Amino acid sequence: MASSFQFNQGYGATPTAVDIGAGTGDNEFNFMNADITGALTPSYSSYPITAGNCSYWVGIRGHWTGTFNSISAIYVWWDKVLTGYGTGADITASVQATWPGAPSATDDADASAPTTQATGLQPTYSANYCQWTRHQLETVADGATPGDGGTSTLNIQWTES
């Protein structure tokens, strides 16, 4: 039998962690100017990111359940579509050995998020979860006020036995 998968999002200092995607493996969440989880609720328009600022970073990890022997070779990467945020806007990302504390809008200074599986982040797996990955939208001062920009896709791939 195969595993079941969901993305898991964390928020708060501890963190509080919730599965997102209602069991579908969906990876929809919003970058906002607040430490809030809940996929698409509340709307990003309630907590807009102003041009030249960063979103609060978002903690995401994989969550596997079901019957399987092992999960390995995990890769996480983005298909970035950053229209409407100004030239130079970016999504940054990193693997975190432990939860890095309460999310904030301070520039996390992570590298630009990888855009291919071959260069993807490689969180390790343990006890039904992989390590947290931290993601942040960084806008530029000359960009339009962020709002409904292009949809970017967060991808995850793994080997299962």
Protein backbone atom coordinates (compact mmCIF):
# COMPACT_ATOMS: atom_id res chain seq x y z
CA MET A 1 0.00 0.00 0.00
CA ALA A 2 1.15 3.56 -0.68
CA SER A 3 1.42 6.52 1.62
CA SER A 4 -1.00 9.41 1.75
CA PHE A 5 0.51 12.90 1.57
CA GLN A 6 -0.43 16.38 2.71
CA PHE A 7 1.50 19.61 3.05
CA ASN A 8 1.69 20.74 6.68
CA GLN A 9 1.95 24.45 7.56
CA GLY A 10 3.23 25.85 10.85
CA TYR A 11 2.61 29.15 12.57
CA GLY A 12 3.39 30.73 15.93
CA ALA A 13 6.46 30.46 18.13
CA THR A 14 5.98 26.82 19.13
CA PRO A 15 4.70 25.98 16.28
CA THR A 16 1.08 25.06 15.80
CA ALA A 17 0.99 22.82 12.73
CA VAL A 18 -1.98 22.05 10.50
CA ASP A 19 -2.38 19.95 7.37
CA ILE A 20 -3.48 22.01 4.38
CA GLY A 21 -5.22 20.76 1.27
CA ALA A 22 -8.03 18.73 2.86
CA GLY A 23 -6.33 15.42 2.09
CA THR A 24 -5.77 16.24 -1.56
CA GLY A 25 -2.02 16.96 -1.33
CA ASP A 26 -2.94 20.52 -2.33
CA ASN A 27 -0.28 23.11 -1.61
CA GLU A 28 -2.24 26.37 -1.69
CA PHE A 29 -1.36 29.04 0.82
CA ASN A 30 -0.94 32.80 0.72
CA PHE A 31 2.04 34.95 1.51
CA MET A 32 0.71 37.62 3.89
CA ASN A 33 1.77 40.36 6.28
CA ALA A 34 0.77 38.22 9.28
CA ASP A 35 1.64 34.94 11.00
CA ILE A 36 -1.55 33.10 10.05
CA THR A 37 -2.17 29.70 8.56
CA GLY A 38 -5.18 28.23 6.87
CA ALA A 39 -4.36 27.81 3.21
CA LEU A 40 -6.49 30.44 1.50
CA THR A 41 -8.38 31.77 4.54
CA PRO A 42 -8.03 34.53 5.54
CA SER A 43 -7.42 36.25 2.25
CA TYR A 44 -4.08 37.87 1.54
CA SER A 45 -6.05 41.09 0.92
CA SER A 46 -6.77 41.25 4.66
CA TYR A 47 -3.00 41.30 5.36
CA PRO A 48 -1.38 42.85 2.26
CA ILE A 49 2.36 43.04 1.69
CA THR A 50 3.35 46.53 0.61
CA ALA A 51 5.86 47.08 -2.18
CA GLY A 52 9.46 46.90 -0.99
CA ASN A 53 8.67 44.65 1.97
CA CYS A 54 8.75 40.95 2.72
CA SER A 55 5.88 38.66 3.58
CA TYR A 56 5.94 36.83 6.85
CA TRP A 57 7.86 33.65 6.13
CA VAL A 58 5.82 30.46 5.90
CA GLY A 59 6.91 27.11 7.36
CA ILE A 60 5.92 24.13 5.20
CA ARG A 61 6.79 20.44 5.52
CA GLY A 62 5.57 17.16 4.11
CA HIS A 63 3.30 14.87 6.17
CA TRP A 64 2.96 11.20 5.21
CA THR A 65 0.49 8.70 6.64
CA GLY A 66 -0.60 5.19 5.68
CA THR A 67 1.35 1.97 5.25
CA PHE A 68 4.83 2.23 3.76
CA ASN A 69 8.38 1.17 4.65
CA SER A 70 10.38 4.33 4.07
CA ILE A 71 10.40 7.84 2.62
CA SER A 72 13.70 9.17 1.25
CA ALA A 73 15.27 11.42 -1.39
CA ILE A 74 12.89 14.33 -0.73
CA TYR A 75 13.18 17.36 -3.02
CA VAL A 76 11.27 20.65 -2.67
CA TRP A 77 11.30 23.35 -5.37
CA TRP A 78 9.20 26.17 -6.88
CA ASP A 79 7.72 26.95 -10.27
CA LYS A 80 7.91 30.73 -9.73
CA VAL A 81 5.48 33.12 -11.39
CA LEU A 82 6.16 36.54 -9.92
CA THR A 83 4.14 38.86 -12.11
CA GLY A 84 2.95 42.09 -10.54
CA TYR A 85 5.63 42.35 -7.86
CA GLY A 86 8.25 44.42 -9.71
CA THR A 87 11.56 43.43 -11.29
CA GLY A 88 13.73 41.65 -8.76
CA ALA A 89 10.95 40.21 -6.59
CA ASP A 90 11.72 36.68 -5.42
CA ILE A 91 10.67 33.75 -3.28
CA THR A 92 13.41 32.61 -0.93
CA ALA A 93 13.60 29.24 0.82
CA SER A 94 15.72 27.06 3.11
CA VAL A 95 15.59 23.81 5.11
CA GLN A 96 15.35 24.32 8.87
CA ALA A 97 16.82 21.72 11.25
CA THR A 98 14.24 22.80 13.87
CA TRP A 99 11.33 25.25 13.95
CA PRO A 100 13.03 28.68 13.77
CA GLY A 101 10.61 30.52 16.09
CA ALA A 102 7.71 32.85 15.40
CA PRO A 103 7.41 33.83 11.72
CA SER A 104 8.10 37.47 10.94
CA ALA A 105 8.34 39.85 8.01
CA THR A 106 12.04 40.40 8.63
CA ASP A 107 14.07 39.43 5.57
CA ASP A 108 15.05 35.83 6.30
CA ALA A 109 18.23 36.20 4.19
CA ASP A 110 17.66 32.77 2.66
CA ALA A 111 18.81 32.07 -0.88
CA SER A 112 16.52 32.29 -3.85
CA ALA A 113 14.21 29.27 -3.83
CA PRO A 114 15.32 26.47 -6.18
CA THR A 115 13.34 26.13 -9.41
CA THR A 116 14.21 22.58 -10.47
CA GLN A 117 14.01 19.18 -8.81
CA ALA A 118 17.74 18.69 -9.39
CA THR A 119 18.59 21.78 -7.30
CA GLY A 120 15.68 21.39 -4.84
CA LEU A 121 15.88 21.70 -1.09
CA GLN A 122 16.50 18.30 0.51
CA PRO A 123 14.77 18.04 3.88
CA THR A 124 15.23 14.76 5.75
CA TYR A 125 12.38 12.48 6.81
CA SER A 126 11.58 11.27 10.32
CA ALA A 127 8.40 9.94 11.96
CA ASN A 128 5.85 10.86 9.26
CA TYR A 129 7.25 14.36 8.57
CA CYS A 130 10.18 15.92 6.79
CA GLN A 131 12.10 18.88 8.16
CA TRP A 132 10.48 22.32 7.97
CA THR A 133 11.18 24.39 4.88
CA ARG A 134 10.92 28.18 5.23
CA HIS A 135 9.53 30.27 2.34
CA GLN A 136 9.22 34.05 1.99
CA LEU A 137 8.02 36.43 -0.72
CA GLU A 138 10.36 39.40 -1.09
CA THR A 139 9.00 42.36 -3.06
CA VAL A 140 10.80 45.42 -4.40
CA ALA A 141 10.12 49.12 -3.84
CA ASP A 142 9.39 49.83 -7.51
CA GLY A 143 6.84 47.05 -7.80
CA ALA A 144 3.11 47.33 -7.79
CA THR A 145 1.47 46.73 -4.44
CA PRO A 146 1.33 42.95 -4.14
CA GLY A 147 -2.07 41.45 -4.51
CA ASP A 148 -3.33 38.92 -6.94
CA GLY A 149 -0.08 38.12 -8.73
CA GLY A 150 0.75 35.02 -10.67
CA THR A 151 0.32 31.64 -9.01
CA SER A 152 3.57 29.91 -8.13
CA THR A 153 3.67 26.17 -7.47
CA LEU A 154 5.50 24.53 -4.57
CA ASN A 155 6.59 21.03 -5.66
CA ILE A 156 7.71 18.05 -3.62
CA GLN A 157 9.05 14.71 -4.83
CA TRP A 158 10.17 11.70 -2.82
CA THR A 159 11.12 8.05 -3.09
CA GLU A 160 8.89 5.60 -1.27
CA SER A 161 9.34 1.93 -0.55
